[in-house]
Amino acid sequence: MTALLNWRLWAAVILAVGLAASHWKAYTSGGKSVRVEWDKERAELTAAALAASEAARIKEKALNLSLDKVRNDYAKEKSRRAADAVATAGRLSELQAALDSASSADPTGSRGADDPRNAIIHQCTGALVGMDEYAKGVADKASALQRFAATVCVAP
């Protein structure tokens, strides 16, 4: 009991209480400052993510517009190619009709309807038209793929 009257004991208790209070105050103020910094960092990250998302959306929209343009151009090219095929088929039938009429109007009679030269000419023109249509199709597809790659895939 006499130890409670000693001034050193009371000084140690007061010192311990003072240190505990100062450390508690530092701990709580440090926690608040860390929380403020963490909230600030989270806000910056959220803003950066939002900006990146918006930039990606704008880029996607631009790429979709260019893709639509390429699709429309390809559809126009395809319809033009179909019209060319119809015109070529018409010219081929006119050529074959002209050959048939020329062979039937031949006064010498050496060229009959079963003349092998006419058959060869018909086969050659048919093969030539088929090869021409195939070559045009390949050229159109190649140019469409190049336009697609230039406008959509490699767009900045």
C-alpha atoms as a PDB file:
ATOM      1  CA  MET A   1       0.000   0.000   0.000  1.00  0.00           C
ATOM      2  CA  THR A   2       2.863   2.273   0.647  1.00  0.00           C
ATOM      3  CA  ALA A   3       3.947   1.725  -2.927  1.00  0.00           C
ATOM      4  CA  LEU A   4       0.874   3.656  -4.054  1.00  0.00           C
ATOM      5  CA  LEU A   5       2.191   6.700  -2.284  1.00  0.00           C
ATOM      6  CA  ASN A   6       5.454   6.640  -4.186  1.00  0.00           C
ATOM      7  CA  TRP A   7       5.725   9.462  -6.695  1.00  0.00           C
ATOM      8  CA  ARG A   8       7.760   7.343  -9.153  1.00  0.00           C
ATOM      9  CA  LEU A   9       4.940   4.882  -9.536  1.00  0.00           C
ATOM     10  CA  TRP A  10       2.489   7.672 -10.292  1.00  0.00           C
ATOM     11  CA  ALA A  11       4.944   9.257 -12.753  1.00  0.00           C
ATOM     12  CA  ALA A  12       5.314   5.906 -14.576  1.00  0.00           C
ATOM     13  CA  VAL A  13       1.507   5.497 -14.718  1.00  0.00           C
ATOM     14  CA  ILE A  14       1.065   9.060 -16.027  1.00  0.00           C
ATOM     15  CA  LEU A  15       3.825   8.522 -18.552  1.00  0.00           C
ATOM     16  CA  ALA A  16       2.245   5.241 -19.707  1.00  0.00           C
ATOM     17  CA  VAL A  17      -1.202   6.871 -20.017  1.00  0.00           C
ATOM     18  CA  GLY A  18       0.318   9.825 -21.921  1.00  0.00           C
ATOM     19  CA  LEU A  19       2.194   7.541 -24.301  1.00  0.00           C
ATOM     20  CA  ALA A  20      -0.900   5.408 -24.853  1.00  0.00           C
ATOM     21  CA  ALA A  21      -3.004   8.492 -25.584  1.00  0.00           C
ATOM     22  CA  SER A  22      -0.440   9.949 -27.979  1.00  0.00           C
ATOM     23  CA  HIS A  23      -0.014   6.629 -29.760  1.00  0.00           C
ATOM     24  CA  TRP A  24      -3.792   6.198 -29.994  1.00  0.00           C
ATOM     25  CA  LYS A  25      -4.111   9.688 -31.467  1.00  0.00           C
ATOM     26  CA  ALA A  26      -1.311   8.972 -33.996  1.00  0.00           C
ATOM     27  CA  TYR A  27      -2.895   5.634 -34.890  1.00  0.00           C
ATOM     28  CA  THR A  28      -6.338   7.107 -35.548  1.00  0.00           C
ATOM     29  CA  SER A  29      -5.016  10.129 -37.471  1.00  0.00           C
ATOM     30  CA  GLY A  30      -2.727   7.841 -39.502  1.00  0.00           C
ATOM     31  CA  GLY A  31      -5.666   5.586 -40.296  1.00  0.00           C
ATOM     32  CA  LYS A  32      -7.674   8.565 -41.461  1.00  0.00           C
ATOM     33  CA  SER A  33      -4.847   9.851 -43.668  1.00  0.00           C
ATOM     34  CA  VAL A  34      -4.289   6.375 -45.136  1.00  0.00           C
ATOM     35  CA  ARG A  35      -8.016   6.053 -45.764  1.00  0.00           C
ATOM     36  CA  VAL A  36      -8.050   9.452 -47.502  1.00  0.00           C
ATOM     37  CA  GLU A  37      -5.064   8.465 -49.660  1.00  0.00           C
ATOM     38  CA  TRP A  38      -6.639   5.114 -50.450  1.00  0.00           C
ATOM     39  CA  ASP A  39      -9.932   6.768 -51.424  1.00  0.00           C
ATOM     40  CA  LYS A  40      -8.036   9.244 -53.604  1.00  0.00           C
ATOM     41  CA  GLU A  41      -6.143   6.416 -55.322  1.00  0.00           C
ATOM     42  CA  ARG A  42      -9.349   4.464 -55.872  1.00  0.00           C
ATOM     43  CA  ALA A  43     -10.998   7.554 -57.390  1.00  0.00           C
ATOM     44  CA  GLU A  44      -8.025   8.038 -59.741  1.00  0.00           C
ATOM     45  CA  LEU A  45      -8.107   4.379 -60.783  1.00  0.00           C
ATOM     46  CA  THR A  46     -11.854   4.538 -61.349  1.00  0.00           C
ATOM     47  CA  ALA A  47     -11.492   7.692 -63.464  1.00  0.00           C
ATOM     48  CA  ALA A  48      -8.690   6.108 -65.491  1.00  0.00           C
ATOM     49  CA  ALA A  49     -10.741   2.953 -66.057  1.00  0.00           C
ATOM     50  CA  LEU A  50     -13.731   5.047 -67.098  1.00  0.00           C
ATOM     51  CA  ALA A  51     -11.595   7.057 -69.535  1.00  0.00           C
ATOM     52  CA  ALA A  52     -10.091   3.868 -70.991  1.00  0.00           C
ATOM     53  CA  SER A  53     -13.542   2.340 -71.334  1.00  0.00           C
ATOM     54  CA  GLU A  54     -14.844   5.438 -73.095  1.00  0.00           C
ATOM     55  CA  ALA A  55     -11.841   5.477 -75.449  1.00  0.00           C
ATOM     56  CA  ALA A  56     -12.358   1.790 -76.240  1.00  0.00           C
ATOM     57  CA  ARG A  57     -16.048   2.408 -76.892  1.00  0.00           C
ATOM     58  CA  ILE A  58     -15.265   5.282 -79.260  1.00  0.00           C
ATOM     59  CA  LYS A  59     -12.659   3.186 -81.073  1.00  0.00           C
ATOM     60  CA  GLU A  60     -15.087   0.275 -81.351  1.00  0.00           C
ATOM     61  CA  LYS A  61     -17.752   2.593 -82.734  1.00  0.00           C
ATOM     62  CA  ALA A  62     -15.327   3.945 -85.345  1.00  0.00           C
ATOM     63  CA  LEU A  63     -14.257   0.428 -86.299  1.00  0.00           C
ATOM     64  CA  ASN A  64     -17.883  -0.665 -86.586  1.00  0.00           C
ATOM     65  CA  LEU A  65     -18.612   2.290 -88.854  1.00  0.00           C
ATOM     66  CA  SER A  66     -15.665   1.454 -91.077  1.00  0.00           C
ATOM     67  CA  LEU A  67     -16.698  -2.216 -91.064  1.00  0.00           C
ATOM     68  CA  ASP A  68     -20.206  -1.206 -92.165  1.00  0.00           C
ATOM     69  CA  LYS A  69     -18.681   0.896 -94.937  1.00  0.00           C
ATOM     70  CA  VAL A  70     -16.577  -2.051 -96.096  1.00  0.00           C
ATOM     71  CA  ARG A  71     -19.643  -4.313 -96.014  1.00  0.00           C
ATOM     72  CA  ASN A  72     -21.678  -1.824 -98.026  1.00  0.00           C
ATOM     73  CA  ASP A  73     -18.859  -1.412-100.549  1.00  0.00           C
ATOM     74  CA  TYR A  74     -18.567  -5.182-100.839  1.00  0.00           C
ATOM     75  CA  ALA A  75     -22.322  -5.549-101.354  1.00  0.00           C
ATOM     76  CA  LYS A  76     -22.227  -2.902-104.099  1.00  0.00           C
ATOM     77  CA  GLU A  77     -19.257  -4.610-105.703  1.00  0.00           C
ATOM     78  CA  LYS A  78     -21.025  -7.961-105.481  1.00  0.00           C
ATOM     79  CA  SER A  79     -24.167  -6.583-107.147  1.00  0.00           C
ATOM     80  CA  ARG A  80     -22.022  -4.945-109.836  1.00  0.00           C
ATOM     81  CA  ARG A  81     -20.258  -8.261-110.411  1.00  0.00           C
ATOM     82  CA  ALA A  82     -23.630 -10.039-110.674  1.00  0.00           C
ATOM     83  CA  ALA A  83     -24.799  -7.476-113.234  1.00  0.00           C
ATOM     84  CA  ASP A  84     -21.556  -7.990-115.177  1.00  0.00           C
ATOM     85  CA  ALA A  85     -22.129 -11.756-115.090  1.00  0.00           C
ATOM     86  CA  VAL A  86     -25.637 -11.309-116.498  1.00  0.00           C
ATOM     87  CA  ALA A  87     -24.312  -8.993-119.228  1.00  0.00           C
ATOM     88  CA  THR A  88     -21.506 -11.437-120.045  1.00  0.00           C
ATOM     89  CA  ALA A  89     -23.970 -14.318-120.235  1.00  0.00           C
ATOM     90  CA  GLY A  90     -26.108 -12.224-122.594  1.00  0.00           C
ATOM     91  CA  ARG A  91     -23.131 -11.426-124.807  1.00  0.00           C
ATOM     92  CA  LEU A  92     -22.139 -15.104-124.793  1.00  0.00           C
ATOM     93  CA  SER A  93     -25.614 -16.165-125.894  1.00  0.00           C
ATOM     94  CA  GLU A  94     -25.544 -13.472-128.616  1.00  0.00           C
ATOM     95  CA  LEU A  95     -22.152 -14.756-129.787  1.00  0.00           C
ATOM     96  CA  GLN A  96     -23.390 -18.328-129.858  1.00  0.00           C
ATOM     97  CA  ALA A  97     -26.517 -17.271-131.733  1.00  0.00           C
ATOM     98  CA  ALA A  98     -24.373 -15.369-134.219  1.00  0.00           C
ATOM     99  CA  LEU A  99     -22.147 -18.424-134.683  1.00  0.00           C
ATOM    100  CA  ASP A 100     -25.190 -20.653-135.159  1.00  0.00           C
ATOM    101  CA  SER A 101     -26.755 -18.259-137.648  1.00  0.00           C
ATOM    102  CA  ALA A 102     -23.446 -17.890-139.499  1.00  0.00           C
ATOM    103  CA  SER A 103     -23.021 -21.650-139.748  1.00  0.00           C
ATOM    104  CA  SER A 104     -26.601 -22.150-140.935  1.00  0.00           C
ATOM    105  CA  ALA A 105     -26.318 -19.323-143.464  1.00  0.00           C
ATOM    106  CA  ASP A 106     -23.075 -20.713-144.943  1.00  0.00           C
ATOM    107  CA  PRO A 107     -23.897 -21.314-148.627  1.00  0.00           C
ATOM    108  CA  THR A 108     -21.109 -23.791-149.178  1.00  0.00           C
ATOM    109  CA  GLY A 109     -22.671 -26.301-146.855  1.00  0.00           C
ATOM    110  CA  SER A 110     -19.309 -27.391-145.573  1.00  0.00           C
ATOM    111  CA  ARG A 111     -20.139 -26.165-142.106  1.00  0.00           C
ATOM    112  CA  GLY A 112     -23.142 -28.010-140.818  1.00  0.00           C
ATOM    113  CA  ALA A 113     -24.812 -27.866-137.425  1.00  0.00           C
ATOM    114  CA  ASP A 114     -22.581 -30.658-136.247  1.00  0.00           C
ATOM    115  CA  ASP A 115     -19.360 -28.899-137.243  1.00  0.00           C
ATOM    116  CA  PRO A 116     -16.731 -29.600-134.552  1.00  0.00           C
ATOM    117  CA  ARG A 117     -15.304 -26.105-134.909  1.00  0.00           C
ATOM    118  CA  ASN A 118     -18.565 -24.612-133.637  1.00  0.00           C
ATOM    119  CA  ALA A 119     -18.586 -26.996-130.690  1.00  0.00           C
ATOM    120  CA  ILE A 120     -14.990 -26.068-129.875  1.00  0.00           C
ATOM    121  CA  ILE A 121     -15.830 -22.353-130.113  1.00  0.00           C
ATOM    122  CA  HIS A 122     -18.846 -22.835-127.802  1.00  0.00           C
ATOM    123  CA  GLN A 123     -16.759 -24.730-125.268  1.00  0.00           C
ATOM    124  CA  CYS A 124     -13.935 -22.219-125.406  1.00  0.00           C
ATOM    125  CA  THR A 125     -16.234 -19.242-124.942  1.00  0.00           C
ATOM    126  CA  GLY A 126     -17.984 -20.956-122.041  1.00  0.00           C
ATOM    127  CA  ALA A 127     -14.651 -21.775-120.386  1.00  0.00           C
ATOM    128  CA  LEU A 128     -13.386 -18.252-121.031  1.00  0.00           C
ATOM    129  CA  VAL A 129     -16.468 -16.697-119.465  1.00  0.00           C
ATOM    130  CA  GLY A 130     -16.195 -19.023-116.460  1.00  0.00           C
ATOM    131  CA  MET A 131     -12.525 -18.178-115.974  1.00  0.00           C
ATOM    132  CA  ASP A 132     -13.267 -14.468-116.358  1.00  0.00           C
ATOM    133  CA  GLU A 133     -16.004 -14.615-113.713  1.00  0.00           C
ATOM    134  CA  TYR A 134     -13.713 -16.546-111.367  1.00  0.00           C
ATOM    135  CA  ALA A 135     -10.837 -14.104-111.887  1.00  0.00           C
ATOM    136  CA  LYS A 136     -13.121 -11.121-111.271  1.00  0.00           C
ATOM    137  CA  GLY A 137     -14.450 -12.765-108.118  1.00  0.00           C
ATOM    138  CA  VAL A 138     -10.950 -13.448-106.792  1.00  0.00           C
ATOM    139  CA  ALA A 139      -9.830  -9.897-107.622  1.00  0.00           C
ATOM    140  CA  ASP A 140     -12.890  -8.409-105.914  1.00  0.00           C
ATOM    141  CA  LYS A 141     -12.404 -10.557-102.822  1.00  0.00           C
ATOM    142  CA  ALA A 142      -8.709  -9.653-102.649  1.00  0.00           C
ATOM    143  CA  SER A 143      -9.416  -5.937-102.944  1.00  0.00           C
ATOM    144  CA  ALA A 144     -12.224  -6.202-100.370  1.00  0.00           C
ATOM    145  CA  LEU A 145      -9.902  -8.001 -97.938  1.00  0.00           C
ATOM    146  CA  GLN A 146      -7.222  -5.377 -98.493  1.00  0.00           C
ATOM    147  CA  ARG A 147      -9.716  -2.571 -97.845  1.00  0.00           C
ATOM    148  CA  PHE A 148     -10.960  -4.417 -94.755  1.00  0.00           C
ATOM    149  CA  ALA A 149      -7.448  -4.847 -93.417  1.00  0.00           C
ATOM    150  CA  ALA A 150      -6.547  -1.243 -94.162  1.00  0.00           C
ATOM    151  CA  THR A 151      -9.645   0.343 -92.667  1.00  0.00           C
ATOM    152  CA  VAL A 152     -10.647  -1.988 -89.832  1.00  0.00           C
ATOM    153  CA  CYS A 153      -7.773  -4.221 -88.742  1.00  0.00           C
ATOM    154  CA  VAL A 154      -4.916  -1.710 -88.962  1.00  0.00           C
ATOM    155  CA  ALA A 155      -6.906   1.364 -87.995  1.00  0.00           C
ATOM    156  CA  PRO A 156      -5.110   3.529 -85.419  1.00  0.00           C
END
